[in-house]
Protein backbone atom coordinates (compact mmCIF):
# COMPACT_ATOMS: atom_id res chain seq x y z
CA UNK A 1 -1.49 163.49 -169.39
CA UNK A 2 1.39 165.78 -168.40
CA UNK A 3 4.69 164.35 -167.18
CA UNK A 4 4.12 165.59 -163.62
CA UNK A 5 0.65 164.00 -163.45
CA UNK A 6 2.07 160.72 -164.74
CA UNK A 7 4.81 160.84 -162.11
CA UNK A 8 2.32 160.82 -159.23
CA UNK A 9 -0.19 158.43 -160.81
CA UNK A 10 0.83 155.45 -158.59
CA UNK A 11 -0.14 157.48 -155.50
CA UNK A 12 -3.60 158.00 -157.02
CA UNK A 13 -3.89 154.24 -157.49
CA UNK A 14 -2.93 153.67 -153.84
CA UNK A 15 -5.63 156.13 -152.76
CA UNK A 16 -8.21 154.19 -154.79
CA UNK A 17 -7.13 151.02 -152.94
CA UNK A 18 -7.53 152.94 -149.69
CA UNK A 19 -11.06 154.02 -150.62
CA UNK A 20 -12.00 150.45 -151.59
CA UNK A 21 -10.51 148.98 -148.38
CA UNK A 22 -8.13 146.82 -150.39
CA UNK A 23 -5.59 144.92 -148.29
CA UNK A 24 -1.98 145.97 -148.76
CA UNK A 25 -0.72 142.46 -149.59
CA UNK A 26 1.94 141.05 -151.90
CA UNK A 27 -0.31 141.10 -154.99
CA UNK A 28 -1.26 144.72 -154.36
CA UNK A 29 2.42 145.66 -154.29
CA UNK A 30 3.18 143.71 -157.48
CA UNK A 31 0.30 145.47 -159.26
CA UNK A 32 1.89 148.85 -158.52
CA UNK A 33 5.41 148.06 -159.75
CA UNK A 34 4.78 148.96 -163.45
CA UNK A 35 3.15 152.22 -162.41
CA UNK A 36 6.06 153.17 -160.15
CA UNK A 37 8.53 152.30 -162.94
CA UNK A 38 6.71 154.62 -165.33
CA UNK A 39 6.50 157.20 -162.55
CA UNK A 40 10.29 157.25 -162.20
CA UNK A 41 10.76 157.54 -165.96
CA UNK A 42 8.29 160.40 -166.31
CA UNK A 43 9.74 162.11 -163.25
CA UNK A 44 13.23 162.06 -164.78
CA UNK A 45 11.83 163.36 -168.10
CA UNK A 46 10.03 166.18 -166.30
CA UNK A 47 13.18 167.26 -164.47
CA UNK A 48 15.29 167.10 -167.62
CA UNK A 49 12.79 169.10 -169.68
CA UNK A 50 12.64 171.83 -167.05
CA UNK A 51 16.42 171.90 -166.64
CA UNK A 52 16.85 172.12 -170.42
CA UNK A 53 14.86 175.36 -170.46
CA UNK A 54 16.45 176.58 -167.21
CA UNK A 55 12.97 176.90 -165.72
CA UNK A 56 13.88 175.59 -162.27
CA UNK A 57 15.05 178.37 -159.97
CA UNK A 58 18.08 177.74 -157.80
CA UNK A 59 17.24 176.65 -154.26
CA UNK A 60 19.01 179.74 -152.94
CA UNK A 61 16.53 182.02 -154.77
CA UNK A 62 13.95 181.66 -151.96
CA UNK A 63 14.28 180.74 -148.30
CA UNK A 64 12.93 177.43 -147.06
CA UNK A 65 10.06 179.12 -145.25
CA UNK A 66 9.18 181.17 -148.33
CA UNK A 67 8.91 177.92 -150.26
CA UNK A 68 6.53 176.59 -147.60
CA UNK A 69 4.51 179.79 -148.02
CA UNK A 70 4.27 179.32 -151.78
CA UNK A 71 3.34 175.64 -151.48
CA UNK A 72 0.73 176.33 -148.78
CA UNK A 73 -0.74 179.19 -150.78
CA UNK A 74 -1.03 176.97 -153.85
CA UNK A 75 -2.66 174.15 -151.89
CA UNK A 76 -5.26 176.65 -150.60
CA UNK A 77 -5.84 178.74 -153.74
CA UNK A 78 -6.72 175.86 -156.05
CA UNK A 79 -9.73 174.68 -153.96
CA UNK A 80 -10.85 178.33 -153.64
CA UNK A 81 -10.69 178.73 -157.43
CA UNK A 82 -12.61 175.46 -157.72
CA UNK A 83 -15.42 176.81 -155.54
CA UNK A 84 -15.29 180.46 -156.64
CA UNK A 85 -13.71 180.65 -160.12
CA UNK A 86 -13.09 184.39 -160.28
CA UNK A 87 -10.04 186.36 -161.48
CA UNK A 88 -9.03 183.58 -163.84
CA UNK A 89 -6.09 184.39 -166.09
CA UNK A 90 -3.35 182.57 -167.98
CA UNK A 91 -0.57 183.73 -165.69
CA UNK A 92 -0.28 184.46 -161.97
CA UNK A 93 3.05 186.08 -161.03
CA UNK A 94 4.92 185.68 -157.79
CA UNK A 95 4.12 188.32 -155.15
CA UNK A 96 6.39 191.34 -155.01
CA UNK A 97 8.71 191.64 -152.05
CA UNK A 98 8.19 194.62 -149.73
CA UNK A 99 10.47 196.61 -147.41
CA UNK A 100 13.14 197.07 -150.07
CA UNK A 101 12.83 193.49 -151.22
CA UNK A 102 13.49 191.92 -147.83
CA UNK A 103 10.23 190.07 -147.18
CA UNK A 104 6.84 188.98 -148.49
CA UNK A 105 3.63 190.73 -147.36
CA UNK A 106 2.58 189.58 -143.88
CA UNK A 107 -0.49 187.69 -145.15
CA UNK A 108 1.82 185.16 -146.77
CA UNK A 109 3.23 184.11 -143.41
CA UNK A 110 -0.21 182.82 -142.40
CA UNK A 111 -0.67 180.38 -145.27
CA UNK A 112 1.42 177.50 -143.82
CA UNK A 113 -0.57 177.65 -140.57
CA UNK A 114 -3.89 177.76 -142.43
CA UNK A 115 -2.94 174.78 -144.58
CA UNK A 116 -1.72 172.82 -141.52
CA UNK A 117 -5.08 173.45 -139.80
CA UNK A 118 -7.03 172.24 -142.85
CA UNK A 119 -4.82 169.17 -143.08
CA UNK A 120 -5.44 168.33 -139.42
CA UNK A 121 -9.20 168.61 -139.93
CA UNK A 122 -9.02 166.29 -142.94
CA UNK A 123 -6.97 163.71 -141.05
CA UNK A 124 -9.46 163.86 -138.17
CA UNK A 125 -12.07 162.32 -140.49
CA UNK A 126 -9.94 159.26 -141.38
CA UNK A 127 -12.10 156.87 -139.34
CA UNK A 128 -15.40 158.67 -139.83
CA UNK A 129 -15.38 159.42 -143.55
CA UNK A 130 -12.76 157.60 -145.58
CA UNK A 131 -14.04 159.28 -148.76
CA UNK A 132 -12.96 162.69 -147.43
CA UNK A 133 -9.38 161.45 -147.09
CA UNK A 134 -9.55 159.98 -150.59
CA UNK A 135 -10.95 163.12 -152.24
CA UNK A 136 -8.57 165.54 -150.58
CA UNK A 137 -5.65 163.11 -150.92
CA UNK A 138 -6.34 162.65 -154.65
CA UNK A 139 -6.34 166.43 -155.03
CA UNK A 140 -3.16 166.88 -153.03
CA UNK A 141 -1.01 164.17 -154.65
CA UNK A 142 -1.92 165.42 -158.13
CA UNK A 143 -1.18 169.03 -157.36
CA UNK A 144 1.83 168.63 -155.06
CA UNK A 145 4.44 168.81 -157.85
CA UNK A 146 3.15 172.18 -159.06
CA UNK A 147 2.87 173.87 -155.66
CA UNK A 148 6.18 175.66 -156.32
CA UNK A 149 8.05 174.32 -153.32
CA UNK A 150 10.65 173.80 -156.04
CA UNK A 151 10.12 176.93 -158.11
CA UNK A 152 9.53 176.13 -161.78
CA UNK A 153 8.85 178.99 -164.18
CA UNK A 154 7.70 182.48 -163.26
CA UNK A 155 4.08 181.71 -162.29
CA UNK A 156 3.23 180.93 -158.68
CA UNK A 157 0.17 178.99 -159.77
CA UNK A 158 -1.86 178.32 -162.91
CA UNK A 159 -5.37 176.97 -163.26
CA UNK A 160 -4.26 174.59 -166.02
CA UNK A 161 -2.14 172.69 -163.48
CA UNK A 162 -5.23 171.61 -161.54
CA UNK A 163 -7.36 169.71 -164.05
CA UNK A 164 -6.52 166.20 -162.83
CA UNK A 165 -6.32 167.29 -159.19
CA UNK A 166 -9.82 168.75 -159.39
CA UNK A 167 -11.19 165.22 -159.87
CA UNK A 168 -10.56 164.72 -156.15
CA UNK A 169 -12.39 167.93 -155.21
CA UNK A 170 -15.25 167.12 -157.60
CA UNK A 171 -15.52 163.70 -155.93
CA UNK A 172 -15.86 165.42 -152.55
CA UNK A 173 -18.60 167.69 -153.85
CA UNK A 174 -20.52 164.80 -155.47
CA UNK A 175 -20.13 162.58 -152.42
CA UNK A 176 -21.14 165.44 -150.15
CA UNK A 177 -24.22 166.09 -152.28
CA UNK A 178 -25.26 162.43 -151.98
CA UNK A 179 -24.62 162.52 -148.22
CA UNK A 180 -26.82 165.59 -147.81
CA UNK A 181 -29.60 164.07 -149.88
CA UNK A 182 -29.47 160.79 -147.91
CA UNK A 183 -29.35 162.38 -144.46
CA UNK A 184 -31.68 165.29 -145.06
CA UNK A 185 -34.27 163.82 -147.39
CA UNK A 186 -36.77 166.58 -146.71
CA UNK A 187 -34.31 169.05 -148.20
CA UNK A 188 -33.21 166.87 -151.12
CA UNK A 189 -35.15 168.90 -153.67
CA UNK A 190 -33.72 172.18 -152.38
CA UNK A 191 -30.22 170.72 -152.29
CA UNK A 192 -30.36 169.48 -155.86
CA UNK A 193 -31.91 172.75 -157.02
CA UNK A 194 -29.11 174.78 -155.45
CA UNK A 195 -26.41 172.62 -157.03
CA UNK A 196 -28.25 172.65 -160.35
CA UNK A 197 -28.36 176.45 -160.30
CA UNK A 198 -24.70 176.51 -159.35
CA UNK A 199 -23.90 174.24 -162.31
CA UNK A 200 -25.71 176.64 -164.64
CA UNK A 201 -23.77 179.59 -163.21
CA UNK A 202 -20.49 177.73 -163.70
CA UNK A 203 -21.43 176.93 -167.31
CA UNK A 204 -22.07 180.63 -167.94
CA UNK A 205 -18.73 181.56 -166.36
CA UNK A 206 -17.00 178.96 -168.52
CA UNK A 207 -18.69 180.26 -171.68
CA UNK A 208 -17.71 183.82 -170.83
CA UNK A 209 -14.15 182.80 -169.99
CA UNK A 210 -13.76 181.32 -173.48
CA UNK A 211 -13.87 184.85 -174.89
CA UNK A 212 -10.60 185.55 -173.08
CA UNK A 213 -8.84 183.11 -175.39
CA UNK A 214 -9.95 184.78 -178.63
CA UNK A 215 -6.40 186.03 -179.31
CA UNK A 216 -3.28 187.02 -177.33
CA UNK A 217 -4.52 190.59 -177.03
CA UNK A 218 -7.71 189.59 -175.21
CA UNK A 219 -5.77 187.00 -173.21
CA UNK A 220 -3.29 189.51 -171.83
CA UNK A 221 -5.87 192.25 -171.43
CA UNK A 222 -7.57 189.87 -169.02
CA UNK A 223 -4.30 189.49 -167.14
CA UNK A 224 -4.02 193.28 -166.85
CA UNK A 225 -7.61 193.38 -165.59
CA UNK A 226 -6.74 190.88 -162.85
CA UNK A 227 -3.32 192.41 -162.09
CA UNK A 228 -3.66 196.12 -162.92
CA UNK A 229 -0.39 196.99 -161.15
CA UNK A 230 1.70 194.57 -163.23
CA UNK A 231 3.00 195.74 -166.64
CA UNK A 232 3.63 192.22 -167.90
CA UNK A 233 0.28 191.89 -169.68
CA UNK A 234 0.64 195.20 -171.52
CA UNK A 235 4.12 194.23 -172.69
CA UNK A 236 2.81 190.89 -173.97
CA UNK A 237 0.17 192.75 -175.99
CA UNK A 238 2.96 194.87 -177.52
CA UNK A 239 4.86 191.70 -178.41
CA UNK A 240 1.68 190.37 -180.04
CA UNK A 241 1.48 193.48 -182.24
CA UNK A 242 5.18 193.06 -183.01
CA UNK A 243 4.49 189.67 -184.61
CA UNK A 244 2.59 191.45 -187.38
CA UNK A 245 5.35 194.04 -187.96
CA UNK A 246 2.91 196.78 -186.96
CA UNK A 247 5.62 199.12 -185.69
CA UNK A 248 3.38 202.11 -185.03
CA UNK A 249 0.87 200.09 -183.01
CA UNK A 250 3.63 198.28 -181.12
CA UNK A 251 5.39 201.56 -180.35
CA UNK A 252 2.11 203.03 -179.13
CA UNK A 253 1.55 200.07 -176.80
CA UNK A 254 5.06 200.35 -175.34
CA UNK A 255 4.51 204.10 -174.84
CA UNK A 256 1.21 203.39 -173.14
CA UNK A 257 2.93 200.91 -170.84
CA UNK A 258 5.76 203.34 -170.05
CA UNK A 259 3.25 206.11 -169.26
CA UNK A 260 1.38 203.85 -166.83
CA UNK A 261 4.52 202.25 -165.39
CA UNK A 262 7.34 204.83 -165.60
CA UNK A 263 9.58 202.56 -163.55
CA UNK A 264 9.39 199.69 -166.06
CA UNK A 265 12.63 199.64 -168.04
CA UNK A 266 11.44 196.95 -170.47
CA UNK A 267 8.86 199.36 -171.92
CA UNK A 268 11.50 201.94 -172.83
CA UNK A 269 13.70 199.23 -174.33
CA UNK A 270 10.72 198.10 -176.40
CA UNK A 271 10.27 201.66 -177.61
CA UNK A 272 13.93 201.69 -178.61
CA UNK A 273 13.51 198.49 -180.60
CA UNK A 274 10.55 199.92 -182.49
CA UNK A 275 12.28 203.23 -183.23
CA UNK A 276 15.23 201.25 -184.55
CA UNK A 277 13.02 199.17 -186.87
CA UNK A 278 11.44 202.40 -188.12
CA UNK A 279 14.86 203.85 -188.93
CA UNK A 280 14.64 206.51 -186.21
CA UNK A 281 17.99 205.67 -184.71
CA UNK A 282 18.55 208.69 -182.47
CA UNK A 283 15.08 208.23 -180.94
CA UNK A 284 16.01 204.59 -180.42
CA UNK A 285 19.22 205.55 -178.61
CA UNK A 286 17.31 208.02 -176.43
CA UNK A 287 14.83 205.29 -175.45
CA UNK A 288 17.59 202.77 -174.75
CA UNK A 289 19.40 205.33 -172.58
CA UNK A 290 16.20 205.95 -170.63
CA UNK A 291 15.73 202.18 -170.22
CA UNK A 292 19.26 201.90 -168.84
CA UNK A 293 18.65 204.75 -166.40
CA UNK A 294 15.39 203.24 -165.14
CA UNK A 295 16.96 199.77 -164.90
CA UNK A 296 19.77 201.14 -162.75
CA UNK A 297 17.33 202.99 -160.50
CA UNK A 298 15.06 199.98 -160.04
CA UNK A 299 17.94 197.46 -159.98
CA UNK A 300 16.35 195.36 -162.71
CA UNK A 301 17.83 193.83 -165.84
CA UNK A 302 16.64 194.24 -169.42
CA UNK A 303 18.07 191.43 -171.53
CA UNK A 304 17.73 193.09 -174.93
CA UNK A 305 18.92 196.57 -173.90
CA UNK A 306 22.66 196.35 -174.52
CA UNK A 307 22.69 194.11 -177.62
CA UNK A 308 20.02 196.21 -179.34
CA UNK A 309 21.64 199.51 -178.42
CA UNK A 310 24.95 198.13 -179.67
CA UNK A 311 23.33 197.22 -183.00
CA UNK A 312 21.82 200.70 -183.26
CA UNK A 313 25.17 202.35 -182.58
CA UNK A 314 26.71 200.06 -185.22
CA UNK A 315 24.14 201.14 -187.80
CA UNK A 316 24.99 204.75 -186.96
CA UNK A 317 28.71 203.89 -187.37
CA UNK A 318 29.37 204.95 -183.77
CA UNK A 319 31.51 201.94 -183.03
CA UNK A 320 33.30 203.55 -180.10
CA UNK A 321 29.93 203.36 -178.29
CA UNK A 322 28.78 200.08 -179.83
CA UNK A 323 31.68 197.89 -178.69
CA UNK A 324 31.32 198.65 -174.94
CA UNK A 325 27.63 197.71 -175.22
CA UNK A 326 28.52 194.45 -176.94
CA UNK A 327 30.87 193.69 -174.03
CA UNK A 328 28.10 194.39 -171.50
CA UNK A 329 25.67 192.24 -173.47
CA UNK A 330 28.08 189.30 -173.65
CA UNK A 331 28.88 189.59 -169.96
CA UNK A 332 25.17 189.57 -169.10
CA UNK A 333 24.35 186.66 -171.42
CA UNK A 334 27.54 184.74 -172.29
CA UNK A 335 25.63 181.79 -173.76
CA UNK A 336 23.90 183.92 -176.40
CA UNK A 337 26.27 183.55 -179.34
CA UNK A 338 24.00 185.69 -181.53
CA UNK A 339 25.45 188.73 -179.79
CA UNK A 340 28.87 187.62 -181.02
CA UNK A 341 27.49 187.34 -184.57
CA UNK A 342 26.46 190.99 -184.50
CA UNK A 343 29.76 192.07 -182.96
CA UNK A 344 31.67 190.12 -185.60
CA UNK A 345 29.99 192.10 -188.37
CA UNK A 346 30.61 195.34 -186.47
CA UNK A 347 34.33 194.47 -186.27
CA UNK A 348 34.35 193.73 -189.99
CA UNK A 349 32.50 196.89 -190.93
CA UNK A 350 34.81 198.99 -188.77
CA UNK A 351 37.94 197.45 -190.30
CA UNK A 352 38.90 195.47 -187.20
CA UNK A 353 39.73 192.44 -189.32
CA UNK A 354 41.75 190.31 -186.84
CA UNK A 355 38.95 190.70 -184.28
CA UNK A 356 36.36 189.87 -186.92
CA UNK A 357 38.26 186.69 -187.84
CA UNK A 358 38.40 185.62 -184.20
CA UNK A 359 34.71 186.37 -183.65
CA UNK A 360 33.47 184.56 -186.77
CA UNK A 361 35.65 181.58 -185.88
CA UNK A 362 33.90 181.50 -182.52
CA UNK A 363 30.34 181.66 -183.88
CA UNK A 364 31.08 179.00 -186.49
CA UNK A 365 31.29 176.52 -183.60
CA UNK A 366 27.55 177.04 -183.18
CA UNK A 367 26.54 177.54 -186.82
CA UNK A 368 29.00 175.54 -188.93
CA UNK A 369 26.62 175.47 -191.91
CA UNK A 370 25.87 179.18 -192.05
CA UNK A 371 27.32 180.43 -195.37
CA UNK A 372 27.31 184.08 -194.30
CA UNK A 373 29.88 183.49 -191.57
CA UNK A 374 32.32 182.00 -194.07
CA UNK A 375 31.70 184.83 -196.52
CA UNK A 376 32.36 187.58 -193.98
CA UNK A 377 35.36 185.81 -192.46
CA UNK A 378 36.65 185.40 -196.00
CA UNK A 379 36.43 189.18 -196.44
CA UNK A 380 38.40 189.66 -193.21
CA UNK A 381 41.07 187.18 -194.36
CA UNK A 382 41.21 188.86 -197.75
CA UNK A 383 41.74 192.28 -196.19
CA UNK A 384 44.60 190.93 -194.08
CA UNK A 385 46.26 189.44 -197.19
CA UNK A 386 45.54 185.85 -196.05
CA UNK A 387 44.35 184.84 -199.50
CA UNK A 388 44.63 181.06 -199.08
CA UNK A 389 42.38 181.15 -196.01
CA UNK A 390 40.02 183.55 -197.78
CA UNK A 391 39.81 181.11 -200.71
CA UNK A 392 38.93 178.30 -198.34
CA UNK A 393 36.11 180.29 -196.73
CA UNK A 394 34.75 181.51 -200.05
CA UNK A 395 34.78 177.96 -201.42
CA UNK A 396 32.89 176.70 -198.36
CA UNK A 397 30.37 179.51 -198.82
CA UNK A 398 29.86 178.49 -202.46
CA UNK A 399 29.29 174.88 -201.45
CA UNK A 400 26.61 176.01 -199.04
CA UNK A 401 25.16 178.77 -201.23
CA UNK A 402 26.22 178.48 -204.88
CA UNK A 403 24.03 181.38 -206.07
CA UNK A 404 25.83 184.29 -204.38
CA UNK A 405 27.65 186.30 -207.09
CA UNK A 406 29.62 188.33 -204.53
CA UNK A 407 31.39 185.22 -203.30
CA UNK A 408 32.57 184.31 -206.81
CA UNK A 409 33.71 187.91 -207.35
CA UNK A 410 35.73 187.99 -204.12
CA UNK A 411 37.22 184.56 -204.73
CA UNK A 412 38.17 185.66 -208.25
CA UNK A 413 40.12 188.58 -206.80
CA UNK A 414 41.91 186.24 -204.39
CA UNK A 415 42.83 183.92 -207.26
CA UNK A 416 44.21 186.94 -209.12
CA UNK A 417 46.34 187.89 -206.11
CA UNK A 418 47.70 184.34 -206.09
CA UNK A 419 48.33 184.59 -209.87
CA UNK A 420 45.85 181.84 -210.66
CA UNK A 421 44.39 183.86 -213.52
CA UNK A 422 42.30 181.18 -215.23
CA UNK A 423 40.47 180.42 -212.01
CA UNK A 424 40.12 184.14 -211.36
CA UNK A 425 38.59 184.72 -214.80
CA UNK A 426 36.24 181.77 -214.36
CA UNK A 427 34.91 183.15 -211.05
CA UNK A 428 34.49 186.71 -212.36
CA UNK A 429 32.53 185.42 -215.36
CA UNK A 430 30.38 183.28 -213.05
CA UNK A 431 29.68 186.33 -210.87
CA UNK A 432 28.67 188.26 -213.99
CA UNK A 433 26.40 185.42 -215.10
CA UNK A 434 24.70 185.43 -211.69
CA UNK A 435 23.89 189.12 -212.07
CA UNK A 436 26.82 191.05 -210.60
CA UNK A 437 27.98 193.91 -212.87
CA UNK A 438 31.67 193.32 -213.67
CA UNK A 439 34.13 195.77 -215.22
CA UNK A 440 34.80 194.69 -218.79
CA UNK A 441 38.32 196.14 -218.67
CA UNK A 442 39.01 193.90 -215.65
CA UNK A 443 37.66 190.88 -217.54
CA UNK A 444 39.86 191.73 -220.55
CA UNK A 445 42.87 192.05 -218.27
CA UNK A 446 42.24 188.62 -216.69
CA UNK A 447 41.68 187.12 -220.15
CA UNK A 448 45.09 188.34 -221.32
CA UNK A 449 46.81 187.11 -218.15
CA UNK A 450 45.04 183.74 -218.34
CA UNK A 451 46.21 183.22 -221.95
CA UNK A 452 49.73 184.47 -221.34
């Protein structure tokens, strides 16, 4: 059971008491205390898990009435999907705003009124058919936390959220079937035949829907079939190809997406990534530039644009263009320290040693056991004549990764600069033993100095 379903479980128990006409006495309250205690615990866990992944949108993202629209839409769409399970897909995005992003389509403004009318009709049956209140109430309490009044994630609804809630709707259908059979006995055979045929149809739909889950490609192709005007599914297919390092196929998918959705900056950025992995750096830059242009025109952000273009410029040794992109990337995503790792190496490679030292010192706060950071910072210290600090970093690197011959070589040179010739000779010989070609004249020189 999911955390959200567990959180509302006590309300389901109360509804069962309501259906069974159980008196709300002291013992009934005591029976519910353990369930409410667990409900609070699971509720806190659910909130923490969503906050940890930053899935909960700020309350200022949508207006209060828009949130009522989303919640009302969800409360209506799930029963409709229960009765008519068409256009099923793994992801249902939020509707796009119209009129330059100022409002939702007009149909959305009707959903709160429609839901209020349905709710009034349900409540009207409270004295006539208690089972109707129970069935709809069971559905509602088990779906209420995923109705996106508090927006969690990027999907406005998802069929997988409704499994427990559908028990309430299934109860209504079963109870309604029994009621029809009892009150219209002459039509009992027809009634059961119709529901039997419907059950067979639903089984066929279920069997066919299973094919959608064959692999991510079929899964997201189904999404594109349901939402042909949304590029998200095509991009996810490209990312699926990317997992297999099939650069040509991935590039082709991103091109296909860009051709169909020329205003989708992410597609051009994806093309840039693929060109970069294929070693076609100028084509990568051209694609990144196009992604930036489209993003500015459509006022959308592309998270990987600036860091990946910065890396590409760094590979091309065009650091005067790379560093401004690193700045933009860090400003856009200050918590992503991996951007700082790449910039640190760019500083080092460009000879900006003080900046490289500062940057590697920063990233070591997040990866204190990464030997590469100590090695590269050691190089920066060594090139700024800070040999003692370089020795310290090289020694830490060796403790973490004792099989790197380059570290022994560099530390040997630092020992030589500090006139510790025996230690220098020892490190150079160790580097040679680990496979690094060493100049024999240099070894002879250190041997003479060590024995002096």
